[in-house]
Structure formats: structure tokens, C-alpha cells
Amino acid sequence: MTKASEAVKTIVSNNNVYSLLINTGLVNYTKLAREIKGQVDFLTGKKIKINTIVKALTNIEVKGKNSNALEILKQSTLTLEYNYEEQHFENPEEIPKSAILIIKDQNGYSTLAKSAKSNSLVIAKIHLPAGSCTTAGITLLITEFLEINGISVVNIYRLSREVWIIIQSESAGKAADALNRLLFQNEKNVGGPTIEAH
């Protein structure tokens, strides 16, 4: 029968994002334990307590270098833009001029546009450094990191050197804090991160 510690080690070593988060110290062990509990239970054949999984996670040593994705994120900047909404239109003439993103799908056009509504969406824009366009795994790393930190993402877009994370306005503060840790953990700049709000 597989021990809980062995199951946790297997799960983490087979998931690049989990390995990266543990290796860099960006992980919230309790949230990650909840995330992988189902897999641990399956591998061990019994219900394992969250505290046991947390202990196993804290004792794991992950070998290997930080991925290129994390190094790129450490060179990125973050801006938050408020008051947007996603809409769908069948006719392209109906699309508002304030739309900053238009995607043609099988049922028409999905748009992201400025909104006057008070309970609107926020775009957390991560501006990537030059030369990062072909690096894979950045969007996955961000999505997994936010999910582990309990932040629901409405949508996420990768546009050349920008990643747009669409979140509900009530999650903006929590998302900014989490993304700040992801982008600027161990940052050597004395002035700290640059976060702009629009």
C-alpha cells in the first residue's frame, strides 16, 4: 500500500507547477494539500487528513532549476484595469467602440469592453519582457497559482507579450496580492514591484 508521503511526492514530482511553487517557496501548503487531497486518497486507497498531506508537502525536496516561466515573470510588470465587461454579439455592427478585445467564435463575437457598471470585471495585465513570446507554460503557471490561492479566474488571454487575467472586481485585491508574490518574490529591486491601477 502506498504511504501518504510517497503519494504526495509522486503527485508533486509529476506536476511542474506544484514542483515550481514548492521549490520557490511561493506555495500555500494548506491550499495545495486541499488541491491534491483527492489524488492522495486515490493513490493510498484511504482518506488522508489534510494535516498529514501538509506535513508531507513541507518535507518534500524538489530538485531542479526554476523554470524559464518563473524567471520571465520576475522580469514582468503588473497593472490592474477596472470597469470592464464581457459581452456576446451575433452581429459585428453591434460591437461597441470601447471594446479592447474581440474574439470570433462559432456563435458570433465575444468582446471585452469598458463598462459603467459598478460590479464589473478587472483586468490584471502582466507585461512580459522582450523575448518571452515563445516561452511555454507561463499562462498555466499563473492559472494554477491563482487557483491554489483560491482566486477564481473569469477568463485568461495570452496576447504576445501580455497576459490578461479577467477577474471579478471583489477579487481584485486578493489577486493583486497573489500576483505580486508570484512576480516579485525574492525580487532584488529595492524599490519593490510596480503595480499600476487604471
Protein backbone atom coordinates (compact mmCIF):
# COMPACT_ATOMS: atom_id res chain seq x y z
CA MET A 1 0.00 0.00 0.00
CA THR A 2 1.30 3.48 -0.91
CA LYS A 3 2.20 5.76 2.00
CA ALA A 4 0.79 9.30 2.06
CA SER A 5 4.28 10.81 1.83
CA GLU A 6 5.08 8.69 -1.25
CA ALA A 7 1.78 9.64 -2.88
CA VAL A 8 2.39 13.35 -2.26
CA LYS A 9 5.94 13.12 -3.64
CA THR A 10 4.67 11.36 -6.77
CA ILE A 11 1.93 13.94 -7.37
CA VAL A 12 4.28 16.91 -6.89
CA SER A 13 7.14 15.47 -8.95
CA ASN A 14 4.77 14.82 -11.85
CA ASN A 15 3.34 18.35 -11.85
CA ASN A 16 5.74 21.09 -12.96
CA VAL A 17 3.64 23.85 -11.41
CA TYR A 18 3.46 22.20 -7.98
CA SER A 19 7.20 21.47 -8.10
CA LEU A 20 7.96 25.04 -9.09
CA LEU A 21 5.80 26.55 -6.34
CA ILE A 22 7.39 24.39 -3.65
CA ASN A 23 10.89 24.96 -4.99
CA THR A 24 10.49 28.74 -4.94
CA GLY A 25 8.61 28.99 -1.64
CA LEU A 26 5.55 30.55 -3.30
CA VAL A 27 3.23 27.78 -2.13
CA ASN A 28 0.46 27.89 0.45
CA TYR A 29 0.82 24.35 1.81
CA THR A 30 -2.70 24.05 3.19
CA LYS A 31 -4.32 25.15 -0.06
CA LEU A 32 -2.08 22.86 -2.11
CA ALA A 33 -2.91 20.00 0.27
CA ARG A 34 -6.63 20.56 -0.34
CA GLU A 35 -5.95 20.72 -4.09
CA ILE A 36 -4.22 17.33 -4.21
CA LYS A 37 -6.17 15.52 -1.45
CA GLY A 38 -8.37 13.60 -3.92
CA GLN A 39 -5.31 12.30 -5.75
CA VAL A 40 -3.58 11.34 -2.47
CA ASP A 41 -6.70 9.48 -1.29
CA PHE A 42 -6.86 7.65 -4.62
CA LEU A 43 -3.19 6.63 -4.58
CA THR A 44 -3.22 5.48 -0.95
CA GLY A 45 -6.64 3.85 -1.10
CA LYS A 46 -7.85 5.63 2.03
CA LYS A 47 -8.89 9.04 3.33
CA ILE A 48 -5.83 11.02 4.35
CA LYS A 49 -6.05 14.00 6.72
CA ILE A 50 -5.14 17.43 5.35
CA ASN A 51 -2.55 17.91 8.13
CA THR A 52 -0.77 14.71 7.04
CA ILE A 53 -0.61 15.97 3.45
CA VAL A 54 0.66 19.39 4.62
CA LYS A 55 3.42 17.70 6.64
CA ALA A 56 4.40 15.58 3.62
CA LEU A 57 4.50 18.71 1.42
CA THR A 58 6.74 20.61 3.85
CA ASN A 59 9.20 17.69 3.91
CA ILE A 60 9.48 17.38 0.14
CA GLU A 61 12.72 18.34 -1.55
CA VAL A 62 12.24 19.29 -5.17
CA LYS A 63 15.32 19.00 -7.34
CA GLY A 64 15.86 21.05 -10.44
CA LYS A 65 16.17 24.64 -11.56
CA ASN A 66 13.46 27.25 -11.63
CA SER A 67 11.67 27.17 -14.94
CA ASN A 68 12.09 29.84 -17.60
CA ALA A 69 8.45 30.82 -16.97
CA LEU A 70 9.18 31.95 -13.41
CA GLU A 71 12.32 33.82 -14.42
CA ILE A 72 10.32 35.65 -17.10
CA LEU A 73 7.57 36.53 -14.61
CA LYS A 74 10.16 38.02 -12.26
CA GLN A 75 11.08 40.47 -15.04
CA SER A 76 7.44 41.41 -15.72
CA THR A 77 5.22 44.24 -14.54
CA LEU A 78 1.64 44.18 -13.35
CA THR A 79 -1.18 46.66 -13.98
CA LEU A 80 -4.82 46.49 -12.92
CA GLU A 81 -7.51 48.00 -15.13
CA TYR A 82 -11.02 48.36 -13.72
CA ASN A 83 -14.56 48.58 -15.13
CA TYR A 84 -14.79 46.08 -17.96
CA GLU A 85 -17.43 43.57 -19.01
CA GLU A 86 -17.60 40.61 -21.34
CA GLN A 87 -20.44 40.60 -23.88
CA HIS A 88 -21.52 38.48 -26.80
CA PHE A 89 -22.86 39.75 -30.13
CA GLU A 90 -24.12 37.93 -33.19
CA ASN A 91 -23.74 40.94 -35.46
CA PRO A 92 -20.32 42.69 -35.72
CA GLU A 93 -22.04 46.07 -36.19
CA GLU A 94 -23.35 45.81 -32.61
CA ILE A 95 -19.87 45.63 -31.08
CA PRO A 96 -19.21 48.79 -29.01
CA LYS A 97 -16.30 51.05 -29.92
CA SER A 98 -14.99 50.68 -26.37
CA ALA A 99 -14.17 47.01 -27.00
CA ILE A 100 -10.48 46.29 -26.45
CA LEU A 101 -10.70 42.61 -27.36
CA ILE A 102 -12.93 40.91 -29.94
CA ILE A 103 -12.93 37.15 -30.49
CA LYS A 104 -14.86 35.49 -33.30
CA ASP A 105 -16.39 32.21 -32.19
CA GLN A 106 -18.91 29.80 -33.72
CA ASN A 107 -21.89 31.75 -32.31
CA GLY A 108 -20.77 35.28 -33.11
CA TYR A 109 -18.37 37.64 -31.34
CA SER A 110 -17.22 37.71 -27.72
CA THR A 111 -15.92 41.08 -26.56
CA LEU A 112 -14.21 42.71 -23.62
CA ALA A 113 -15.17 46.37 -23.32
CA LYS A 114 -15.24 49.28 -20.87
CA SER A 115 -18.29 49.28 -18.62
CA ALA A 116 -20.17 51.80 -16.49
CA LYS A 117 -21.49 49.05 -14.19
CA SER A 118 -20.33 49.20 -10.58
CA ASN A 119 -19.86 45.43 -10.20
CA SER A 120 -17.72 44.97 -13.28
CA LEU A 121 -14.62 42.98 -14.20
CA VAL A 122 -10.96 43.81 -13.62
CA ILE A 123 -8.11 43.02 -16.00
CA ALA A 124 -4.84 42.12 -14.29
CA LYS A 125 -2.33 42.67 -17.10
CA ILE A 126 1.07 41.08 -16.82
CA HIS A 127 3.50 42.75 -19.23
CA LEU A 128 6.22 40.24 -20.15
CA PRO A 129 9.79 41.20 -21.08
CA ALA A 130 11.17 41.13 -24.62
CA GLY A 131 11.96 37.66 -25.93
CA SER A 132 9.27 35.90 -23.91
CA CYS A 133 6.76 35.35 -26.73
CA THR A 134 7.79 31.76 -27.42
CA THR A 135 8.13 30.59 -23.81
CA ALA A 136 5.53 27.96 -22.94
CA GLY A 137 3.97 27.40 -19.53
CA ILE A 138 3.55 31.00 -18.36
CA THR A 139 -0.24 31.05 -18.58
CA LEU A 140 -0.53 27.60 -16.95
CA LEU A 141 1.73 28.66 -14.09
CA ILE A 142 -0.33 31.82 -13.44
CA THR A 143 -3.66 29.96 -13.64
CA GLU A 144 -2.55 27.15 -11.29
CA PHE A 145 -1.03 29.65 -8.86
CA LEU A 146 -4.22 31.72 -8.66
CA GLU A 147 -6.37 28.59 -8.29
CA ILE A 148 -4.22 27.28 -5.43
CA ASN A 149 -4.59 30.70 -3.78
CA GLY A 150 -8.39 30.49 -4.02
CA ILE A 151 -8.84 33.10 -6.74
CA SER A 152 -11.40 32.36 -9.45
CA VAL A 153 -10.43 33.48 -12.92
CA VAL A 154 -13.27 34.50 -15.25
CA ASN A 155 -11.02 34.25 -18.30
CA ILE A 156 -7.36 34.43 -19.26
CA TYR A 157 -5.78 35.56 -22.52
CA ARG A 158 -2.18 35.37 -23.75
CA LEU A 159 -1.51 38.15 -26.24
CA SER A 160 2.09 38.21 -27.45
CA ARG A 161 3.95 39.87 -24.55
CA GLU A 162 0.90 40.34 -22.32
CA VAL A 163 -1.20 38.00 -20.19
CA TRP A 164 -4.67 39.33 -19.38
CA ILE A 165 -6.33 37.76 -16.34
CA ILE A 166 -10.01 38.64 -16.09
CA ILE A 167 -11.35 38.57 -12.54
CA GLN A 168 -14.38 39.79 -10.62
CA SER A 169 -13.88 43.23 -9.04
CA GLU A 170 -14.31 41.85 -5.50
CA SER A 171 -11.32 39.52 -6.09
CA ALA A 172 -9.02 42.26 -7.39
CA GLY A 173 -7.21 42.95 -4.12
CA LYS A 174 -6.61 39.28 -3.38
CA ALA A 175 -5.47 38.63 -6.95
CA ALA A 176 -3.10 41.63 -6.90
CA ASP A 177 -1.56 40.38 -3.66
CA ALA A 178 -1.08 36.84 -5.03
CA LEU A 179 0.31 38.05 -8.36
CA ASN A 180 2.61 40.43 -6.51
CA ARG A 181 4.08 37.44 -4.64
CA LEU A 182 4.41 35.42 -7.85
CA LEU A 183 6.10 38.19 -9.83
CA PHE A 184 8.19 39.81 -7.15
CA GLN A 185 9.08 37.04 -4.67
CA ASN A 186 12.83 37.27 -3.96
CA GLU A 187 12.94 40.39 -6.16
CA LYS A 188 16.21 42.25 -5.66
CA ASN A 189 14.89 45.67 -6.65
CA VAL A 190 14.99 47.81 -3.51
CA GLY A 191 12.03 49.87 -4.66
CA GLY A 192 9.82 46.79 -4.91
CA PRO A 193 7.22 45.99 -7.54
CA THR A 194 5.48 48.43 -9.80
CA ILE A 195 1.73 47.91 -9.71
CA GLU A 196 -0.38 50.44 -11.55
CA ALA A 197 -4.15 50.76 -11.27
CA HIS A 198 -6.26 52.32 -14.02
